C-alpha atoms as a PDB file:
ATOM      1  CA  UNK A   1      54.429  51.075 -41.003  1.00  0.00           C
ATOM      2  CA  UNK A   2      51.862  53.547 -42.690  1.00  0.00           C
ATOM      3  CA  UNK A   3      51.023  56.277 -41.091  1.00  0.00           C
ATOM      4  CA  UNK A   4      46.847  55.363 -41.241  1.00  0.00           C
ATOM      5  CA  UNK A   5      48.036  51.994 -39.582  1.00  0.00           C
ATOM      6  CA  UNK A   6      50.523  53.713 -36.752  1.00  0.00           C
ATOM      7  CA  UNK A   7      48.089  56.179 -35.697  1.00  0.00           C
ATOM      8  CA  UNK A   8      45.452  53.141 -34.761  1.00  0.00           C
ATOM      9  CA  UNK A   9      47.981  51.322 -32.549  1.00  0.00           C
ATOM     10  CA  UNK A  10      47.063  48.032 -34.127  1.00  0.00           C
ATOM     11  CA  UNK A  11      48.639  46.271 -31.209  1.00  0.00           C
ATOM     12  CA  UNK A  12      46.801  47.962 -28.624  1.00  0.00           C
ATOM     13  CA  UNK A  13      43.719  48.048 -30.276  1.00  0.00           C
ATOM     14  CA  UNK A  14      43.868  44.016 -31.465  1.00  0.00           C
ATOM     15  CA  UNK A  15      44.835  43.446 -27.675  1.00  0.00           C
ATOM     16  CA  UNK A  16      41.347  44.907 -26.838  1.00  0.00           C
ATOM     17  CA  UNK A  17      40.055  42.516 -29.900  1.00  0.00           C
ATOM     18  CA  UNK A  18      41.172  39.553 -28.016  1.00  0.00           C
ATOM     19  CA  UNK A  19      38.990  39.813 -24.897  1.00  0.00           C
ATOM     20  CA  UNK A  20      36.400  38.981 -27.384  1.00  0.00           C
ATOM     21  CA  UNK A  21      38.187  36.413 -28.497  1.00  0.00           C
ATOM     22  CA  UNK A  22      39.351  35.082 -24.699  1.00  0.00           C
ATOM     23  CA  UNK A  23      34.964  35.431 -24.323  1.00  0.00           C
ATOM     24  CA  UNK A  24      34.087  33.170 -27.431  1.00  0.00           C
ATOM     25  CA  UNK A  25      36.619  30.717 -26.096  1.00  0.00           C
ATOM     26  CA  UNK A  26      35.581  30.473 -22.725  1.00  0.00           C
ATOM     27  CA  UNK A  27      31.789  29.808 -24.387  1.00  0.00           C
ATOM     28  CA  UNK A  28      33.148  27.323 -26.916  1.00  0.00           C
ATOM     29  CA  UNK A  29      31.412  29.706 -29.653  1.00  0.00           C
ATOM     30  CA  UNK A  30      32.084  31.290 -33.054  1.00  0.00           C
ATOM     31  CA  UNK A  31      29.434  32.876 -34.962  1.00  0.00           C
ATOM     32  CA  UNK A  32      29.142  36.050 -37.338  1.00  0.00           C
ATOM     33  CA  UNK A  33      28.083  38.386 -34.301  1.00  0.00           C
ATOM     34  CA  UNK A  34      31.164  37.290 -32.457  1.00  0.00           C
ATOM     35  CA  UNK A  35      33.295  37.720 -35.901  1.00  0.00           C
ATOM     36  CA  UNK A  36      31.677  41.302 -35.487  1.00  0.00           C
ATOM     37  CA  UNK A  37      32.107  41.901 -31.924  1.00  0.00           C
ATOM     38  CA  UNK A  38      35.654  41.646 -32.801  1.00  0.00           C
ATOM     39  CA  UNK A  39      35.609  44.137 -35.115  1.00  0.00           C
ATOM     40  CA  UNK A  40      33.653  46.056 -33.315  1.00  0.00           C
ATOM     41  CA  UNK A  41      35.942  46.366 -30.335  1.00  0.00           C
ATOM     42  CA  UNK A  42      39.553  46.555 -32.824  1.00  0.00           C
ATOM     43  CA  UNK A  43      37.146  49.398 -34.866  1.00  0.00           C
ATOM     44  CA  UNK A  44      35.780  51.100 -31.704  1.00  0.00           C
ATOM     45  CA  UNK A  45      39.928  51.065 -29.635  1.00  0.00           C
ATOM     46  CA  UNK A  46      41.338  52.445 -33.013  1.00  0.00           C
ATOM     47  CA  UNK A  47      38.776  55.092 -33.001  1.00  0.00           C
ATOM     48  CA  UNK A  48      39.728  56.010 -29.262  1.00  0.00           C
ATOM     49  CA  UNK A  49      43.343  55.879 -30.391  1.00  0.00           C
ATOM     50  CA  UNK A  50      43.209  58.422 -33.710  1.00  0.00           C
ATOM     51  CA  UNK A  51      40.925  60.916 -31.643  1.00  0.00           C
ATOM     52  CA  UNK A  52      42.992  60.962 -28.409  1.00  0.00           C
ATOM     53  CA  UNK A  53      45.909  61.224 -30.474  1.00  0.00           C
ATOM     54  CA  UNK A  54      43.744  64.138 -32.575  1.00  0.00           C
ATOM     55  CA  UNK A  55      42.775  66.169 -29.181  1.00  0.00           C
ATOM     56  CA  UNK A  56      46.937  65.295 -27.948  1.00  0.00           C
ATOM     57  CA  UNK A  57      48.694  67.088 -30.604  1.00  0.00           C
ATOM     58  CA  UNK A  58      50.187  69.751 -28.863  1.00  0.00           C
ATOM     59  CA  UNK A  59      51.311  67.647 -26.226  1.00  0.00           C
ATOM     60  CA  UNK A  60      52.840  64.541 -27.882  1.00  0.00           C
ATOM     61  CA  UNK A  61      55.136  67.434 -29.708  1.00  0.00           C
ATOM     62  CA  UNK A  62      56.660  67.192 -26.586  1.00  0.00           C
ATOM     63  CA  UNK A  63      56.272  63.691 -25.223  1.00  0.00           C
ATOM     64  CA  UNK A  64      56.186  61.437 -28.653  1.00  0.00           C
ATOM     65  CA  UNK A  65      57.193  63.652 -31.615  1.00  0.00           C
ATOM     66  CA  UNK A  66      56.977  60.340 -33.622  1.00  0.00           C
ATOM     67  CA  UNK A  67      53.540  60.000 -33.708  1.00  0.00           C
ATOM     68  CA  UNK A  68      51.845  59.953 -37.057  1.00  0.00           C
ATOM     69  CA  UNK A  69      50.326  63.529 -36.580  1.00  0.00           C
ATOM     70  CA  UNK A  70      52.927  65.349 -34.663  1.00  0.00           C
ATOM     71  CA  UNK A  71      55.270  64.420 -37.137  1.00  0.00           C
ATOM     72  CA  UNK A  72      53.048  65.918 -40.140  1.00  0.00           C
ATOM     73  CA  UNK A  73      52.822  62.154 -41.373  1.00  0.00           C
ATOM     74  CA  UNK A  74      48.701  62.455 -40.969  1.00  0.00           C
ATOM     75  CA  UNK A  75      47.396  66.479 -41.175  1.00  0.00           C
ATOM     76  CA  UNK A  76      45.169  67.515 -37.847  1.00  0.00           C
ATOM     77  CA  UNK A  77      41.927  67.246 -39.990  1.00  0.00           C
ATOM     78  CA  UNK A  78      43.468  64.395 -41.775  1.00  0.00           C
ATOM     79  CA  UNK A  79      43.212  62.755 -38.062  1.00  0.00           C
ATOM     80  CA  UNK A  80      40.105  63.610 -36.671  1.00  0.00           C
ATOM     81  CA  UNK A  81      38.022  63.186 -39.765  1.00  0.00           C
ATOM     82  CA  UNK A  82      40.003  59.005 -40.174  1.00  0.00           C
ATOM     83  CA  UNK A  83      38.694  59.208 -35.867  1.00  0.00           C
ATOM     84  CA  UNK A  84      35.299  59.679 -37.342  1.00  0.00           C
ATOM     85  CA  UNK A  85      35.361  56.946 -39.793  1.00  0.00           C
ATOM     86  CA  UNK A  86      36.536  54.606 -37.501  1.00  0.00           C
ATOM     87  CA  UNK A  87      33.684  55.261 -34.783  1.00  0.00           C
ATOM     88  CA  UNK A  88      30.762  55.285 -37.604  1.00  0.00           C
ATOM     89  CA  UNK A  89      32.122  51.358 -38.803  1.00  0.00           C
ATOM     90  CA  UNK A  90      32.522  50.516 -35.194  1.00  0.00           C
ATOM     91  CA  UNK A  91      28.411  51.485 -34.611  1.00  0.00           C
ATOM     92  CA  UNK A  92      27.411  50.358 -38.228  1.00  0.00           C
ATOM     93  CA  UNK A  93      29.284  46.726 -36.751  1.00  0.00           C
ATOM     94  CA  UNK A  94      27.509  47.246 -33.693  1.00  0.00           C
ATOM     95  CA  UNK A  95      23.880  47.925 -35.029  1.00  0.00           C
ATOM     96  CA  UNK A  96      24.957  44.680 -36.918  1.00  0.00           C
ATOM     97  CA  UNK A  97      25.340  42.895 -33.705  1.00  0.00           C
ATOM     98  CA  UNK A  98      22.045  43.667 -32.520  1.00  0.00           C
ATOM     99  CA  UNK A  99      20.119  43.240 -35.204  1.00  0.00           C
ATOM    100  CA  UNK A 100      21.407  39.816 -35.941  1.00  0.00           C
ATOM    101  CA  UNK A 101      20.902  38.652 -32.465  1.00  0.00           C
ATOM    102  CA  UNK A 102      17.848  40.518 -32.014  1.00  0.00           C
ATOM    103  CA  UNK A 103      19.661  41.739 -28.229  1.00  0.00           C
ATOM    104  CA  UNK A 104      19.884  45.569 -28.697  1.00  0.00           C
ATOM    105  CA  UNK A 105      22.263  45.862 -25.632  1.00  0.00           C
ATOM    106  CA  UNK A 106      25.557  45.365 -27.822  1.00  0.00           C
ATOM    107  CA  UNK A 107      24.446  48.637 -29.970  1.00  0.00           C
ATOM    108  CA  UNK A 108      23.676  50.412 -26.716  1.00  0.00           C
ATOM    109  CA  UNK A 109      27.043  50.023 -25.296  1.00  0.00           C
ATOM    110  CA  UNK A 110      28.388  50.721 -28.357  1.00  0.00           C
ATOM    111  CA  UNK A 111      26.939  53.883 -28.446  1.00  0.00           C
ATOM    112  CA  UNK A 112      27.811  54.608 -25.293  1.00  0.00           C
ATOM    113  CA  UNK A 113      31.035  53.899 -25.860  1.00  0.00           C
ATOM    114  CA  UNK A 114      31.573  56.067 -28.702  1.00  0.00           C
ATOM    115  CA  UNK A 115      30.367  59.219 -26.225  1.00  0.00           C
ATOM    116  CA  UNK A 116      32.846  57.991 -23.218  1.00  0.00           C
ATOM    117  CA  UNK A 117      35.963  57.663 -25.622  1.00  0.00           C
ATOM    118  CA  UNK A 118      35.458  60.950 -27.384  1.00  0.00           C
ATOM    119  CA  UNK A 119      34.564  62.740 -24.296  1.00  0.00           C
ATOM    120  CA  UNK A 120      37.628  61.083 -22.844  1.00  0.00           C
ATOM    121  CA  UNK A 121      39.824  62.436 -25.351  1.00  0.00           C
ATOM    122  CA  UNK A 122      38.388  65.941 -25.417  1.00  0.00           C
ATOM    123  CA  UNK A 123      38.206  66.547 -21.564  1.00  0.00           C
ATOM    124  CA  UNK A 124      38.382  63.444 -19.358  1.00  0.00           C
ATOM    125  CA  UNK A 125      42.157  62.474 -19.545  1.00  0.00           C
ATOM    126  CA  UNK A 126      43.186  65.629 -18.116  1.00  0.00           C
ATOM    127  CA  UNK A 127      40.960  65.356 -15.204  1.00  0.00           C
ATOM    128  CA  UNK A 128      42.833  63.683 -12.300  1.00  0.00           C
ATOM    129  CA  UNK A 129      42.330  60.331 -11.787  1.00  0.00           C
ATOM    130  CA  UNK A 130      38.805  59.883 -13.496  1.00  0.00           C
ATOM    131  CA  UNK A 131      40.641  60.253 -16.960  1.00  0.00           C
ATOM    132  CA  UNK A 132      43.091  57.189 -15.675  1.00  0.00           C
ATOM    133  CA  UNK A 133      39.561  55.464 -14.172  1.00  0.00           C
ATOM    134  CA  UNK A 134      37.791  55.621 -17.475  1.00  0.00           C
ATOM    135  CA  UNK A 135      40.620  53.954 -19.784  1.00  0.00           C
ATOM    136  CA  UNK A 136      40.371  51.142 -17.297  1.00  0.00           C
ATOM    137  CA  UNK A 137      36.330  50.847 -17.613  1.00  0.00           C
ATOM    138  CA  UNK A 138      36.313  50.777 -21.273  1.00  0.00           C
ATOM    139  CA  UNK A 139      38.916  48.206 -21.444  1.00  0.00           C
ATOM    140  CA  UNK A 140      37.653  45.790 -18.916  1.00  0.00           C
ATOM    141  CA  UNK A 141      34.173  47.213 -20.558  1.00  0.00           C
ATOM    142  CA  UNK A 142      35.324  45.022 -23.545  1.00  0.00           C
ATOM    143  CA  UNK A 143      34.905  41.980 -21.717  1.00  0.00           C
ATOM    144  CA  UNK A 144      31.614  42.342 -21.002  1.00  0.00           C
ATOM    145  CA  UNK A 145      30.848  43.905 -23.938  1.00  0.00           C
ATOM    146  CA  UNK A 146      32.038  40.221 -25.134  1.00  0.00           C
ATOM    147  CA  UNK A 147      29.070  38.390 -22.563  1.00  0.00           C
ATOM    148  CA  UNK A 148      26.145  40.157 -23.468  1.00  0.00           C
ATOM    149  CA  UNK A 149      26.875  39.205 -27.213  1.00  0.00           C
ATOM    150  CA  UNK A 150      26.816  36.302 -26.765  1.00  0.00           C
ATOM    151  CA  UNK A 151      23.769  36.685 -24.371  1.00  0.00           C
ATOM    152  CA  UNK A 152      24.561  33.418 -21.755  1.00  0.00           C
ATOM    153  CA  UNK A 153      23.941  34.312 -18.427  1.00  0.00           C
ATOM    154  CA  UNK A 154      26.970  32.335 -16.892  1.00  0.00           C
ATOM    155  CA  UNK A 155      29.061  33.614 -19.785  1.00  0.00           C
ATOM    156  CA  UNK A 156      27.921  37.445 -18.820  1.00  0.00           C
ATOM    157  CA  UNK A 157      28.872  36.609 -15.395  1.00  0.00           C
ATOM    158  CA  UNK A 158      32.455  35.504 -16.089  1.00  0.00           C
ATOM    159  CA  UNK A 159      32.793  38.795 -18.831  1.00  0.00           C
ATOM    160  CA  UNK A 160      32.244  40.651 -15.799  1.00  0.00           C
ATOM    161  CA  UNK A 161      35.001  39.039 -13.483  1.00  0.00           C
ATOM    162  CA  UNK A 162      37.393  39.358 -16.167  1.00  0.00           C
ATOM    163  CA  UNK A 163      35.864  42.819 -16.972  1.00  0.00           C
ATOM    164  CA  UNK A 164      37.284  44.091 -13.342  1.00  0.00           C
ATOM    165  CA  UNK A 165      40.378  42.624 -13.534  1.00  0.00           C
ATOM    166  CA  UNK A 166      41.058  44.336 -16.699  1.00  0.00           C
ATOM    167  CA  UNK A 167      39.250  47.655 -15.048  1.00  0.00           C
ATOM    168  CA  UNK A 168      41.671  47.501 -12.125  1.00  0.00           C
ATOM    169  CA  UNK A 169      45.351  46.554 -14.046  1.00  0.00           C
ATOM    170  CA  UNK A 170      44.795  49.029 -16.884  1.00  0.00           C
ATOM    171  CA  UNK A 171      43.756  51.864 -14.136  1.00  0.00           C
ATOM    172  CA  UNK A 172      47.302  51.177 -12.630  1.00  0.00           C
ATOM    173  CA  UNK A 173      48.551  50.958 -15.902  1.00  0.00           C
ATOM    174  CA  UNK A 174      47.364  54.852 -16.868  1.00  0.00           C
ATOM    175  CA  UNK A 175      48.615  56.268 -13.655  1.00  0.00           C
ATOM    176  CA  UNK A 176      52.152  54.930 -14.216  1.00  0.00           C
ATOM    177  CA  UNK A 177      51.924  55.813 -18.189  1.00  0.00           C
ATOM    178  CA  UNK A 178      51.052  59.725 -15.985  1.00  0.00           C
ATOM    179  CA  UNK A 179      53.830  59.638 -14.681  1.00  0.00           C
ATOM    180  CA  UNK A 180      56.208  58.458 -17.559  1.00  0.00           C
ATOM    181  CA  UNK A 181      54.767  61.620 -19.256  1.00  0.00           C
ATOM    182  CA  UNK A 182      54.562  64.278 -16.654  1.00  0.00           C
ATOM    183  CA  UNK A 183      57.062  66.423 -18.284  1.00  0.00           C
ATOM    184  CA  UNK A 184      54.840  66.665 -21.832  1.00  0.00           C
ATOM    185  CA  UNK A 185      51.567  67.349 -19.859  1.00  0.00           C
ATOM    186  CA  UNK A 186      52.658  69.749 -17.928  1.00  0.00           C
ATOM    187  CA  UNK A 187      53.892  71.942 -20.993  1.00  0.00           C
ATOM    188  CA  UNK A 188      50.318  71.796 -22.137  1.00  0.00           C
ATOM    189  CA  UNK A 189      48.789  73.041 -18.266  1.00  0.00           C
ATOM    190  CA  UNK A 190      47.238  69.044 -18.366  1.00  0.00           C
ATOM    191  CA  UNK A 191      46.346  68.861 -14.675  1.00  0.00           C
ATOM    192  CA  UNK A 192      47.198  64.743 -14.332  1.00  0.00           C
ATOM    193  CA  UNK A 193      47.898  63.151 -10.432  1.00  0.00           C
ATOM    194  CA  UNK A 194      51.424  63.454 -10.766  1.00  0.00           C
ATOM    195  CA  UNK A 195      51.332  66.767 -11.364  1.00  0.00           C
ATOM    196  CA  UNK A 196      48.722  67.970  -9.063  1.00  0.00           C
ATOM    197  CA  UNK A 197      50.713  65.961  -5.901  1.00  0.00           C
ATOM    198  CA  UNK A 198      53.649  64.844  -6.919  1.00  0.00           C
ATOM    199  CA  UNK A 199      54.552  61.216  -8.187  1.00  0.00           C
ATOM    200  CA  UNK A 200      55.370  59.232  -4.959  1.00  0.00           C
ATOM    201  CA  UNK A 201      51.560  58.976  -3.951  1.00  0.00           C
ATOM    202  CA  UNK A 202      50.201  57.802  -7.677  1.00  0.00           C
ATOM    203  CA  UNK A 203      52.856  55.606  -7.675  1.00  0.00           C
ATOM    204  CA  UNK A 204      51.715  54.454  -4.478  1.00  0.00           C
ATOM    205  CA  UNK A 205      47.975  53.835  -5.663  1.00  0.00           C
ATOM    206  CA  UNK A 206      49.006  52.409  -8.942  1.00  0.00           C
ATOM    207  CA  UNK A 207      50.816  49.811  -6.274  1.00  0.00           C
ATOM    208  CA  UNK A 208      47.776  49.042  -4.328  1.00  0.00           C
ATOM    209  CA  UNK A 209      45.837  48.588  -7.500  1.00  0.00           C
ATOM    210  CA  UNK A 210      48.516  46.176  -8.986  1.00  0.00           C
ATOM    211  CA  UNK A 211      48.401  44.239  -5.379  1.00  0.00           C
ATOM    212  CA  UNK A 212      44.364  43.811  -5.479  1.00  0.00           C
ATOM    213  CA  UNK A 213      44.101  42.764  -8.847  1.00  0.00           C
ATOM    214  CA  UNK A 214      47.195  39.563  -7.865  1.00  0.00           C
ATOM    215  CA  UNK A 215      45.485  39.040  -4.844  1.00  0.00           C
ATOM    216  CA  UNK A 216      41.960  38.700  -6.852  1.00  0.00           C
ATOM    217  CA  UNK A 217      43.725  36.504  -9.773  1.00  0.00           C
ATOM    218  CA  UNK A 218      43.252  33.164  -7.759  1.00  0.00           C
ATOM    219  CA  UNK A 219      39.910  33.453  -7.070  1.00  0.00           C
ATOM    220  CA  UNK A 220      38.846  32.864 -10.843  1.00  0.00           C
ATOM    221  CA  UNK A 221      40.090  29.341  -9.853  1.00  0.00           C
ATOM    222  CA  UNK A 222      38.827  28.484  -6.665  1.00  0.00           C
ATOM    223  CA  UNK A 223      35.562  30.194  -7.683  1.00  0.00           C
ATOM    224  CA  UNK A 224      35.417  27.584 -11.099  1.00  0.00           C
ATOM    225  CA  UNK A 225      35.627  30.022 -13.694  1.00  0.00           C
ATOM    226  CA  UNK A 226      39.092  28.771 -14.977  1.00  0.00           C
ATOM    227  CA  UNK A 227      40.991  24.950 -14.001  1.00  0.00           C
ATOM    228  CA  UNK A 228      44.591  24.648 -12.954  1.00  0.00           C
ATOM    229  CA  UNK A 229      46.401  25.359 -15.988  1.00  0.00           C
ATOM    230  CA  UNK A 230      45.086  29.091 -15.216  1.00  0.00           C
ATOM    231  CA  UNK A 231      47.052  29.008 -12.173  1.00  0.00           C
ATOM    232  CA  UNK A 232      49.950  27.592 -13.596  1.00  0.00           C
ATOM    233  CA  UNK A 233      50.296  30.536 -16.032  1.00  0.00           C
ATOM    234  CA  UNK A 234      48.816  33.336 -13.909  1.00  0.00           C
ATOM    235  CA  UNK A 235      51.647  33.016 -11.519  1.00  0.00           C
ATOM    236  CA  UNK A 236      54.013  34.460 -14.165  1.00  0.00           C
ATOM    237  CA  UNK A 237      51.399  37.164 -14.691  1.00  0.00           C
ATOM    238  CA  UNK A 238      51.582  38.039 -10.725  1.00  0.00           C
ATOM    239  CA  UNK A 239      55.026  37.977 -11.070  1.00  0.00           C
ATOM    240  CA  UNK A 240      55.344  40.648 -13.028  1.00  0.00           C
ATOM    241  CA  UNK A 241      52.649  43.069 -12.377  1.00  0.00           C
ATOM    242  CA  UNK A 242      54.244  42.758  -8.588  1.00  0.00           C
ATOM    243  CA  UNK A 243      57.881  43.575 -10.166  1.00  0.00           C
ATOM    244  CA  UNK A 244      56.186  46.266 -11.933  1.00  0.00           C
ATOM    245  CA  UNK A 245      54.427  47.722  -8.750  1.00  0.00           C
ATOM    246  CA  UNK A 246      57.811  47.657  -6.592  1.00  0.00           C
ATOM    247  CA  UNK A 247      60.124  49.358  -9.516  1.00  0.00           C
ATOM    248  CA  UNK A 248      57.799  52.095  -9.264  1.00  0.00           C
ATOM    249  CA  UNK A 249      57.140  52.724  -6.166  1.00  0.00           C
ATOM    250  CA  UNK A 250      61.333  52.805  -5.747  1.00  0.00           C
ATOM    251  CA  UNK A 251      61.920  55.258  -8.264  1.00  0.00           C
ATOM    252  CA  UNK A 252      59.318  57.669 -10.361  1.00  0.00           C
ATOM    253  CA  UNK A 253      62.032  58.962 -13.149  1.00  0.00           C
ATOM    254  CA  UNK A 254      60.511  58.802 -16.338  1.00  0.00           C
ATOM    255  CA  UNK A 255      62.506  55.284 -17.503  1.00  0.00           C
ATOM    256  CA  UNK A 256      61.487  53.434 -14.554  1.00  0.00           C
ATOM    257  CA  UNK A 257      57.775  54.805 -15.349  1.00  0.00           C
ATOM    258  CA  UNK A 258      58.301  53.531 -19.000  1.00  0.00           C
ATOM    259  CA  UNK A 259      59.461  50.241 -17.620  1.00  0.00           C
ATOM    260  CA  UNK A 260      56.920  49.360 -15.264  1.00  0.00           C
ATOM    261  CA  UNK A 261      54.286  50.265 -17.718  1.00  0.00           C
ATOM    262  CA  UNK A 262      56.029  48.012 -20.306  1.00  0.00           C
ATOM    263  CA  UNK A 263      56.170  44.970 -17.637  1.00  0.00           C
ATOM    264  CA  UNK A 264      52.647  45.478 -16.941  1.00  0.00           C
ATOM    265  CA  UNK A 265      51.031  45.081 -20.660  1.00  0.00           C
ATOM    266  CA  UNK A 266      53.272  41.972 -21.223  1.00  0.00           C
ATOM    267  CA  UNK A 267      51.548  40.539 -17.947  1.00  0.00           C
ATOM    268  CA  UNK A 268      48.186  41.207 -18.555  1.00  0.00           C
ATOM    269  CA  UNK A 269      48.985  39.838 -21.842  1.00  0.00           C
ATOM    270  CA  UNK A 270      50.283  36.367 -20.174  1.00  0.00           C
ATOM    271  CA  UNK A 271      47.217  36.770 -18.246  1.00  0.00           C
ATOM    272  CA  UNK A 272      44.834  36.220 -21.073  1.00  0.00           C
ATOM    273  CA  UNK A 273      47.073  33.225 -22.137  1.00  0.00           C
ATOM    274  CA  UNK A 274      46.141  32.066 -18.843  1.00  0.00           C
ATOM    275  CA  UNK A 275      42.299  32.710 -19.639  1.00  0.00           C
ATOM    276  CA  UNK A 276      42.732  30.394 -22.595  1.00  0.00           C
ATOM    277  CA  UNK A 277      44.812  27.890 -20.975  1.00  0.00           C
ATOM    278  CA  UNK A 278      42.235  27.985 -17.933  1.00  0.00           C
ATOM    279  CA  UNK A 279      39.328  27.137 -20.305  1.00  0.00           C
ATOM    280  CA  UNK A 280      40.545  23.859 -21.316  1.00  0.00           C
END
């Protein structure tokens, strides 16, 4: 894969853009602002991934030396400038959304996201727990961004529900990823939660967050946000979530943490499918 595409982590960026597609499906709306919103989220997520790799260069030399910057496929300066370009593209798209809809909240959200993602990569990532919750917040914020772009009160309310789900589950996954990356983080003097207090308590915290989300999942059916098909599909996602939580509670080695993180990601993809199915 071309390193300039690889560094975007396109699967991750597309998954973030899916939040907007889901909100649009729920509202049964397709328009130029919706298309621009999908592009904005893709560029914004990609920018965050690239600038994160720029600041994480030394850590990735240990944890993920195959990535584009530590492997030398992209220079450090080139990675930084590429990240800046993607932030600019996202901001331009955000401006066009607000201009077309005469609603300046989406543009403000994009500007806030620019600042938060940069600060996360620069400083907040290595801050115990705060960094984990920032990533969760930004993931959930994608749904809210979509809701405000469509500017439909009922869709805004639904997007907040979906955003909260994504926030909690992503935060849990980020804690588990810190357990997985503990070796490289230690070498760089990072102060993640597993480094400061060991891996057991963070694994318990991740498990609690997972269970909270699993308990809330059926609520979206009972308050009539989604139909019965949502309930049928979400059961598969919940099964994966619970399994991920159980294996990380039992064992916190790097391989187990990697598998738990992977299963959570698959579970979230299934959950997105459930959102779509439940909209019909």
